Every structure is written in structure tokens, then in C-alpha cells.
Amino acid sequence: MRYAVDKVAGTGNQGAFLTERGASFGYHNLVVDMRALPIMRQFAPVIFDVTHSVNSLVVLAEVLVGNGNLDLILLVQLPP
């Protein structure tokens, strides 16, 4: 990721963000390695796309609200 951030910064853009969305292992089996987040944060701010990981905004909201850990859920869908 460092090289991607360096490439963006080389264009004069110092506002790059990194996004973690997970990796697919077979059909309907998305895995996220949470150990990657602090490593990525060394190079740029990180956005973790948790809705992509659980594939259900409703399940995500129930878990976060139920545990009292809700900070922000933002779902943006732009028209095509």
C-alpha cells in the first residue's frame, strides 16, 4: 500500500485514503484480515468497508447497536 500512496502523493494529492474491503475465498466467503488495518494506517487514513464484509447493513446495525459500539454507518448509493 505504501507504493500506491506514494504514487498518489507524487501527483500532488496529499489526501489519499486506503480502503479495506476484504478478499474473496470462493463464492460468498469474504474474509477480512483485521491485522492489516494498523499496518495500512501507517501510510494513510483507512476506511474499512464493513458493509461489504458482512453483506448486510441490517445485520451490521443490529450487532453494533446491540453492543453499544455504533459510531457511524454511512451507506451511499449514487445513481448510475
C-alpha atoms as a PDB file:
ATOM      1  CA  MET A   1       0.000   0.000   0.000  1.00  0.00           C
ATOM      2  CA  ARG A   2       2.888   2.336   0.637  1.00  0.00           C
ATOM      3  CA  TYR A   3       3.719   2.444  -3.063  1.00  0.00           C
ATOM      4  CA  ALA A   4       0.136   3.231  -4.042  1.00  0.00           C
ATOM      5  CA  VAL A   5       0.019   6.101  -1.531  1.00  0.00           C
ATOM      6  CA  ASP A   6       3.412   7.360  -2.724  1.00  0.00           C
ATOM      7  CA  LYS A   7       2.187   7.303  -6.332  1.00  0.00           C
ATOM      8  CA  VAL A   8      -0.899   9.369  -5.447  1.00  0.00           C
ATOM      9  CA  ALA A   9       1.190  11.776  -3.353  1.00  0.00           C
ATOM     10  CA  GLY A  10       3.578  12.126  -6.297  1.00  0.00           C
ATOM     11  CA  THR A  11       0.785  13.811  -8.255  1.00  0.00           C
ATOM     12  CA  GLY A  12       0.471  16.455  -5.557  1.00  0.00           C
ATOM     13  CA  ASN A  13      -2.549  14.905  -3.871  1.00  0.00           C
ATOM     14  CA  GLN A  14      -1.816  14.536  -0.158  1.00  0.00           C
ATOM     15  CA  GLY A  15      -5.378  13.476   0.688  1.00  0.00           C
ATOM     16  CA  ALA A  16      -5.276   9.765  -0.193  1.00  0.00           C
ATOM     17  CA  PHE A  17      -7.282   7.251   1.821  1.00  0.00           C
ATOM     18  CA  LEU A  18      -6.928   3.469   1.813  1.00  0.00           C
ATOM     19  CA  THR A  19      -9.946   1.165   1.800  1.00  0.00           C
ATOM     20  CA  GLU A  20     -10.132  -2.331   3.271  1.00  0.00           C
ATOM     21  CA  ARG A  21     -12.954  -4.416   1.822  1.00  0.00           C
ATOM     22  CA  GLY A  22     -11.719  -7.964   2.342  1.00  0.00           C
ATOM     23  CA  ALA A  23     -10.734 -10.730  -0.042  1.00  0.00           C
ATOM     24  CA  SER A  24     -12.972 -13.359  -1.556  1.00  0.00           C
ATOM     25  CA  PHE A  25     -12.164 -17.012  -0.950  1.00  0.00           C
ATOM     26  CA  GLY A  26     -14.674 -18.882  -3.041  1.00  0.00           C
ATOM     27  CA  TYR A  27     -18.308 -17.959  -3.510  1.00  0.00           C
ATOM     28  CA  HIS A  28     -19.966 -15.966  -0.715  1.00  0.00           C
ATOM     29  CA  ASN A  29     -16.936 -16.307   1.555  1.00  0.00           C
ATOM     30  CA  LEU A  30     -15.437 -12.868   2.139  1.00  0.00           C
ATOM     31  CA  VAL A  31     -12.590 -12.679   4.661  1.00  0.00           C
ATOM     32  CA  VAL A  32     -11.164  -9.531   6.251  1.00  0.00           C
ATOM     33  CA  ASP A  33      -7.772  -9.629   7.964  1.00  0.00           C
ATOM     34  CA  MET A  34      -8.126  -7.054  10.730  1.00  0.00           C
ATOM     35  CA  ARG A  35      -4.352  -7.145  11.303  1.00  0.00           C
ATOM     36  CA  ALA A  36      -3.982  -5.178   8.070  1.00  0.00           C
ATOM     37  CA  LEU A  37      -5.726  -2.059   9.414  1.00  0.00           C
ATOM     38  CA  PRO A  38      -2.917  -0.770  11.694  1.00  0.00           C
ATOM     39  CA  ILE A  39      -0.348  -1.541   9.000  1.00  0.00           C
ATOM     40  CA  MET A  40      -2.325   0.396   6.394  1.00  0.00           C
ATOM     41  CA  ARG A  41      -2.790   3.275   8.851  1.00  0.00           C
ATOM     42  CA  GLN A  42       0.981   3.820   8.818  1.00  0.00           C
ATOM     43  CA  PHE A  43       0.661   5.122   5.256  1.00  0.00           C
ATOM     44  CA  ALA A  44      -2.711   6.891   5.086  1.00  0.00           C
ATOM     45  CA  PRO A  45      -6.105   7.139   6.808  1.00  0.00           C
ATOM     46  CA  VAL A  46      -8.091   3.898   6.441  1.00  0.00           C
ATOM     47  CA  ILE A  47     -11.733   3.387   5.558  1.00  0.00           C
ATOM     48  CA  PHE A  48     -12.999  -0.061   6.496  1.00  0.00           C
ATOM     49  CA  ASP A  49     -15.968  -1.076   4.336  1.00  0.00           C
ATOM     50  CA  VAL A  50     -17.680  -3.262   6.895  1.00  0.00           C
ATOM     51  CA  THR A  51     -20.978  -3.383   4.987  1.00  0.00           C
ATOM     52  CA  HIS A  52     -19.180  -5.141   2.152  1.00  0.00           C
ATOM     53  CA  SER A  53     -17.717  -7.630   4.603  1.00  0.00           C
ATOM     54  CA  VAL A  54     -20.977  -8.694   6.234  1.00  0.00           C
ATOM     55  CA  ASN A  55     -23.035  -8.219   3.059  1.00  0.00           C
ATOM     56  CA  SER A  56     -25.943  -6.960   5.165  1.00  0.00           C
ATOM     57  CA  LEU A  57     -26.410  -3.478   6.573  1.00  0.00           C
ATOM     58  CA  VAL A  58     -29.261  -4.707   8.791  1.00  0.00           C
ATOM     59  CA  VAL A  59     -27.119  -7.403  10.436  1.00  0.00           C
ATOM     60  CA  LEU A  60     -24.284  -4.922  10.890  1.00  0.00           C
ATOM     61  CA  ALA A  61     -26.536  -2.332  12.516  1.00  0.00           C
ATOM     62  CA  GLU A  62     -28.076  -4.907  14.866  1.00  0.00           C
ATOM     63  CA  VAL A  63     -24.657  -6.072  16.032  1.00  0.00           C
ATOM     64  CA  LEU A  64     -23.223  -2.584  16.517  1.00  0.00           C
ATOM     65  CA  VAL A  65     -26.269  -1.077  18.194  1.00  0.00           C
ATOM     66  CA  GLY A  66     -26.762  -4.169  20.354  1.00  0.00           C
ATOM     67  CA  ASN A  67     -23.201  -3.948  21.648  1.00  0.00           C
ATOM     68  CA  GLY A  68     -23.236  -0.176  22.126  1.00  0.00           C
ATOM     69  CA  ASN A  69     -20.392   0.249  19.638  1.00  0.00           C
ATOM     70  CA  LEU A  70     -22.191   2.284  16.982  1.00  0.00           C
ATOM     71  CA  ASP A  71     -20.125   5.239  15.819  1.00  0.00           C
ATOM     72  CA  LEU A  72     -21.162   5.716  12.215  1.00  0.00           C
ATOM     73  CA  ILE A  73     -22.841   3.742   9.496  1.00  0.00           C
ATOM     74  CA  LEU A  74     -22.830   5.515   6.179  1.00  0.00           C
ATOM     75  CA  LEU A  75     -24.354   3.948   3.101  1.00  0.00           C
ATOM     76  CA  VAL A  76     -24.024   5.960  -0.083  1.00  0.00           C
ATOM     77  CA  GLN A  77     -25.510   4.826  -3.365  1.00  0.00           C
ATOM     78  CA  LEU A  78     -25.149   7.214  -6.255  1.00  0.00           C
ATOM     79  CA  PRO A  79     -27.412   6.958  -9.271  1.00  0.00           C
ATOM     80  CA  PRO A  80     -25.776   5.255 -12.265  1.00  0.00           C
END
